Amino acid sequence: MPLPFAAGLYKKAWLKNYALMLAGLLIDIDHLLADPIYYAERCSIGFHPLHTPLPIILYVMLLAHPKTRALGIGLCLHILLDGADCLI
């Protein structure tokens, strides 16, 4: 999902911003704290530490500043997609 956002929002510096948006995937490192690490029926939102309300508020706050916006977009997209996965 980050590629269309990076290409559409950052036409000149899309590659750098795409990389920042992909960095949003790194919050899945908190899955290593779970036992089992992967469980298909588990909803990440609210379970894993970096998928709880306080970090999510911080991810949204990153959208406010132009220098952190691309990372914020990547993190918020990640959370939105994880949330959608919880509904399915």
N, C-alpha and C. Protein backbone atom coordinates (compact mmCIF):
# COMPACT_ATOMS: atom_id res chain seq x y z
N MET A 1 0.79 -1.21 0.00
CA MET A 1 0.00 0.00 0.00
C MET A 1 0.84 1.27 0.00
N PRO A 2 2.01 1.31 0.60
CA PRO A 2 2.74 2.58 0.64
C PRO A 2 3.17 3.10 -0.73
N LEU A 3 3.39 2.23 -1.69
CA LEU A 3 3.88 2.69 -2.99
C LEU A 3 2.94 3.68 -3.67
N PRO A 4 1.64 3.40 -3.77
CA PRO A 4 0.76 4.40 -4.41
C PRO A 4 0.73 5.72 -3.64
N PHE A 5 0.80 5.66 -2.33
CA PHE A 5 0.81 6.90 -1.54
C PHE A 5 2.10 7.68 -1.79
N ALA A 6 3.23 7.01 -1.78
CA ALA A 6 4.51 7.68 -2.02
C ALA A 6 4.57 8.27 -3.41
N ALA A 7 4.14 7.51 -4.40
CA ALA A 7 4.18 8.00 -5.79
C ALA A 7 3.20 9.14 -6.00
N GLY A 8 2.06 9.10 -5.34
CA GLY A 8 1.06 10.14 -5.53
C GLY A 8 1.32 11.41 -4.74
N LEU A 9 1.85 11.25 -3.53
CA LEU A 9 2.05 12.41 -2.66
C LEU A 9 3.42 13.06 -2.80
N TYR A 10 4.41 12.29 -3.19
CA TYR A 10 5.79 12.77 -3.24
C TYR A 10 6.39 12.44 -4.60
N LYS A 11 5.96 13.17 -5.60
CA LYS A 11 6.39 12.85 -6.98
C LYS A 11 7.90 12.95 -7.19
N LYS A 12 8.55 13.96 -6.60
CA LYS A 12 9.99 14.14 -6.81
C LYS A 12 10.83 13.23 -5.92
N ALA A 13 10.42 13.09 -4.68
CA ALA A 13 11.22 12.30 -3.72
C ALA A 13 10.44 11.06 -3.29
N TRP A 14 9.81 10.39 -4.24
CA TRP A 14 8.95 9.28 -3.90
C TRP A 14 9.71 8.10 -3.31
N LEU A 15 10.93 7.85 -3.78
CA LEU A 15 11.67 6.68 -3.32
C LEU A 15 12.05 6.81 -1.84
N LYS A 16 12.55 7.98 -1.45
CA LYS A 16 12.90 8.22 -0.05
C LYS A 16 11.67 8.10 0.84
N ASN A 17 10.58 8.69 0.42
CA ASN A 17 9.36 8.66 1.21
C ASN A 17 8.72 7.27 1.21
N TYR A 18 8.89 6.55 0.13
CA TYR A 18 8.43 5.15 0.08
C TYR A 18 9.19 4.33 1.12
N ALA A 19 10.50 4.55 1.21
CA ALA A 19 11.31 3.82 2.20
C ALA A 19 10.86 4.17 3.62
N LEU A 20 10.55 5.44 3.86
CA LEU A 20 10.07 5.84 5.19
C LEU A 20 8.72 5.19 5.50
N MET A 21 7.86 5.11 4.50
CA MET A 21 6.57 4.47 4.71
C MET A 21 6.73 2.97 4.97
N LEU A 22 7.66 2.35 4.27
CA LEU A 22 7.93 0.92 4.50
C LEU A 22 8.48 0.69 5.90
N ALA A 23 9.15 1.69 6.45
CA ALA A 23 9.68 1.56 7.81
C ALA A 23 8.54 1.34 8.81
N GLY A 24 7.32 1.71 8.43
CA GLY A 24 6.17 1.45 9.29
C GLY A 24 5.95 -0.03 9.55
N LEU A 25 6.51 -0.86 8.72
CA LEU A 25 6.39 -2.31 8.94
C LEU A 25 7.22 -2.79 10.12
N LEU A 26 8.19 -1.98 10.52
CA LEU A 26 9.08 -2.38 11.60
C LEU A 26 8.38 -2.49 12.95
N ILE A 27 7.20 -1.89 13.08
CA ILE A 27 6.50 -2.03 14.37
C ILE A 27 6.04 -3.46 14.60
N ASP A 28 6.09 -4.28 13.59
CA ASP A 28 5.73 -5.69 13.79
C ASP A 28 6.79 -6.45 14.57
N ILE A 29 7.88 -5.79 14.91
CA ILE A 29 8.90 -6.45 15.74
C ILE A 29 8.32 -6.83 17.11
N ASP A 30 7.28 -6.11 17.52
CA ASP A 30 6.66 -6.44 18.81
C ASP A 30 5.95 -7.79 18.79
N HIS A 31 5.76 -8.37 17.63
CA HIS A 31 5.17 -9.71 17.54
C HIS A 31 6.11 -10.76 18.15
N LEU A 32 7.39 -10.43 18.20
CA LEU A 32 8.36 -11.36 18.77
C LEU A 32 8.16 -11.55 20.27
N LEU A 33 7.43 -10.63 20.90
CA LEU A 33 7.17 -10.73 22.34
C LEU A 33 5.99 -11.65 22.65
N ALA A 34 5.23 -12.01 21.63
CA ALA A 34 4.03 -12.83 21.83
C ALA A 34 4.37 -14.31 21.80
N ASP A 35 3.52 -15.08 22.45
CA ASP A 35 3.68 -16.53 22.44
C ASP A 35 2.33 -17.14 22.08
N PRO A 36 2.15 -17.72 20.93
CA PRO A 36 3.12 -17.90 19.86
C PRO A 36 3.36 -16.59 19.11
N ILE A 37 4.48 -16.51 18.41
CA ILE A 37 4.83 -15.30 17.68
C ILE A 37 3.76 -14.96 16.66
N TYR A 38 3.28 -15.95 15.93
CA TYR A 38 2.22 -15.72 14.95
C TYR A 38 1.04 -16.61 15.28
N TYR A 39 -0.11 -15.99 15.36
CA TYR A 39 -1.36 -16.72 15.56
C TYR A 39 -2.39 -16.06 14.67
N ALA A 40 -2.85 -16.75 13.65
CA ALA A 40 -3.71 -16.18 12.62
C ALA A 40 -5.01 -15.59 13.17
N GLU A 41 -5.52 -16.14 14.24
CA GLU A 41 -6.80 -15.68 14.79
C GLU A 41 -6.67 -14.49 15.74
N ARG A 42 -5.45 -14.07 16.04
CA ARG A 42 -5.24 -12.99 17.01
C ARG A 42 -5.28 -11.64 16.30
N CYS A 43 -5.95 -10.68 16.91
CA CYS A 43 -5.97 -9.31 16.40
C CYS A 43 -4.78 -8.56 17.00
N SER A 44 -3.96 -7.97 16.13
CA SER A 44 -2.78 -7.24 16.59
C SER A 44 -3.14 -5.99 17.37
N ILE A 45 -4.21 -5.31 16.95
CA ILE A 45 -4.60 -4.06 17.58
C ILE A 45 -5.01 -4.31 19.03
N GLY A 46 -4.32 -3.62 19.92
CA GLY A 46 -4.61 -3.77 21.34
C GLY A 46 -3.88 -4.92 22.01
N PHE A 47 -3.27 -5.81 21.24
CA PHE A 47 -2.57 -6.96 21.82
C PHE A 47 -1.08 -6.70 21.91
N HIS A 48 -0.47 -6.34 20.81
CA HIS A 48 0.97 -6.11 20.78
C HIS A 48 1.27 -4.68 21.26
N PRO A 49 2.36 -4.47 21.98
CA PRO A 49 2.65 -3.16 22.58
C PRO A 49 2.67 -1.99 21.59
N LEU A 50 3.20 -2.17 20.41
CA LEU A 50 3.26 -1.07 19.45
C LEU A 50 1.98 -0.93 18.63
N HIS A 51 0.97 -1.70 18.99
CA HIS A 51 -0.34 -1.65 18.33
C HIS A 51 -1.43 -1.26 19.33
N THR A 52 -1.05 -0.55 20.39
CA THR A 52 -1.99 -0.12 21.42
C THR A 52 -2.29 1.37 21.25
N PRO A 53 -3.29 1.89 21.96
CA PRO A 53 -3.74 3.27 21.73
C PRO A 53 -2.66 4.36 21.84
N LEU A 54 -1.82 4.32 22.85
CA LEU A 54 -0.82 5.39 23.01
C LEU A 54 0.13 5.48 21.81
N PRO A 55 0.76 4.38 21.39
CA PRO A 55 1.60 4.47 20.20
C PRO A 55 0.81 4.90 18.95
N ILE A 56 -0.42 4.45 18.83
CA ILE A 56 -1.22 4.82 17.66
C ILE A 56 -1.46 6.33 17.64
N ILE A 57 -1.69 6.92 18.81
CA ILE A 57 -1.84 8.38 18.90
C ILE A 57 -0.55 9.06 18.44
N LEU A 58 0.58 8.51 18.83
CA LEU A 58 1.87 9.08 18.41
C LEU A 58 2.05 8.96 16.90
N TYR A 59 1.61 7.85 16.32
CA TYR A 59 1.71 7.68 14.87
C TYR A 59 0.88 8.73 14.14
N VAL A 60 -0.29 9.01 14.67
CA VAL A 60 -1.16 10.03 14.07
C VAL A 60 -0.52 11.41 14.21
N MET A 61 0.13 11.66 15.33
CA MET A 61 0.79 12.95 15.55
C MET A 61 1.93 13.18 14.56
N LEU A 62 2.56 12.11 14.10
CA LEU A 62 3.63 12.24 13.11
C LEU A 62 3.14 12.84 11.80
N LEU A 63 1.85 12.75 11.55
CA LEU A 63 1.27 13.29 10.31
C LEU A 63 1.30 14.81 10.29
N ALA A 64 1.41 15.44 11.44
CA ALA A 64 1.31 16.89 11.54
C ALA A 64 2.52 17.63 10.98
N HIS A 65 3.69 17.04 11.07
CA HIS A 65 4.91 17.73 10.64
C HIS A 65 5.40 17.17 9.30
N PRO A 66 5.73 18.04 8.36
CA PRO A 66 6.16 17.56 7.03
C PRO A 66 7.35 16.60 7.06
N LYS A 67 8.28 16.79 8.01
CA LYS A 67 9.47 15.94 8.04
C LYS A 67 9.18 14.53 8.56
N THR A 68 8.09 14.36 9.28
CA THR A 68 7.75 13.04 9.82
C THR A 68 6.50 12.46 9.17
N ARG A 69 5.93 13.20 8.25
CA ARG A 69 4.64 12.80 7.65
C ARG A 69 4.71 11.45 6.93
N ALA A 70 5.75 11.22 6.14
CA ALA A 70 5.84 9.96 5.38
C ALA A 70 5.91 8.76 6.32
N LEU A 71 6.68 8.88 7.39
CA LEU A 71 6.74 7.79 8.37
C LEU A 71 5.38 7.62 9.03
N GLY A 72 4.74 8.74 9.37
CA GLY A 72 3.41 8.69 9.97
C GLY A 72 2.39 8.03 9.06
N ILE A 73 2.47 8.32 7.77
CA ILE A 73 1.56 7.69 6.81
C ILE A 73 1.79 6.17 6.80
N GLY A 74 3.06 5.76 6.77
CA GLY A 74 3.36 4.33 6.77
C GLY A 74 2.86 3.63 8.02
N LEU A 75 3.06 4.27 9.17
CA LEU A 75 2.60 3.67 10.43
C LEU A 75 1.08 3.62 10.50
N CYS A 76 0.43 4.70 10.09
CA CYS A 76 -1.04 4.72 10.13
C CYS A 76 -1.64 3.73 9.13
N LEU A 77 -1.03 3.61 7.96
CA LEU A 77 -1.49 2.60 7.00
C LEU A 77 -1.37 1.20 7.60
N HIS A 78 -0.25 0.96 8.25
CA HIS A 78 -0.01 -0.33 8.89
C HIS A 78 -1.12 -0.64 9.90
N ILE A 79 -1.42 0.34 10.75
CA ILE A 79 -2.45 0.15 11.78
C ILE A 79 -3.82 -0.04 11.13
N LEU A 80 -4.12 0.75 10.10
CA LEU A 80 -5.41 0.60 9.41
C LEU A 80 -5.56 -0.78 8.78
N LEU A 81 -4.49 -1.25 8.16
CA LEU A 81 -4.56 -2.58 7.54
C LEU A 81 -4.67 -3.69 8.59
N ASP A 82 -3.95 -3.53 9.71
CA ASP A 82 -4.08 -4.51 10.79
C ASP A 82 -5.50 -4.48 11.36
N GLY A 83 -6.07 -3.27 11.47
CA GLY A 83 -7.44 -3.15 11.97
C GLY A 83 -8.43 -3.81 11.03
N ALA A 84 -8.23 -3.62 9.73
CA ALA A 84 -9.10 -4.27 8.74
C ALA A 84 -8.98 -5.78 8.83
N ASP A 85 -7.76 -6.25 9.08
CA ASP A 85 -7.54 -7.70 9.23
C ASP A 85 -8.29 -8.24 10.44
N CYS A 86 -8.42 -7.43 11.48
CA CYS A 86 -9.15 -7.86 12.67
C CYS A 86 -10.64 -8.02 12.38
N LEU A 87 -11.15 -7.24 11.44
CA LEU A 87 -12.57 -7.30 11.11
C LEU A 87 -12.92 -8.50 10.25
N ILE A 88 -11.94 -9.00 9.54
CA ILE A 88 -12.19 -10.12 8.61
C ILE A 88 -12.07 -11.45 9.31
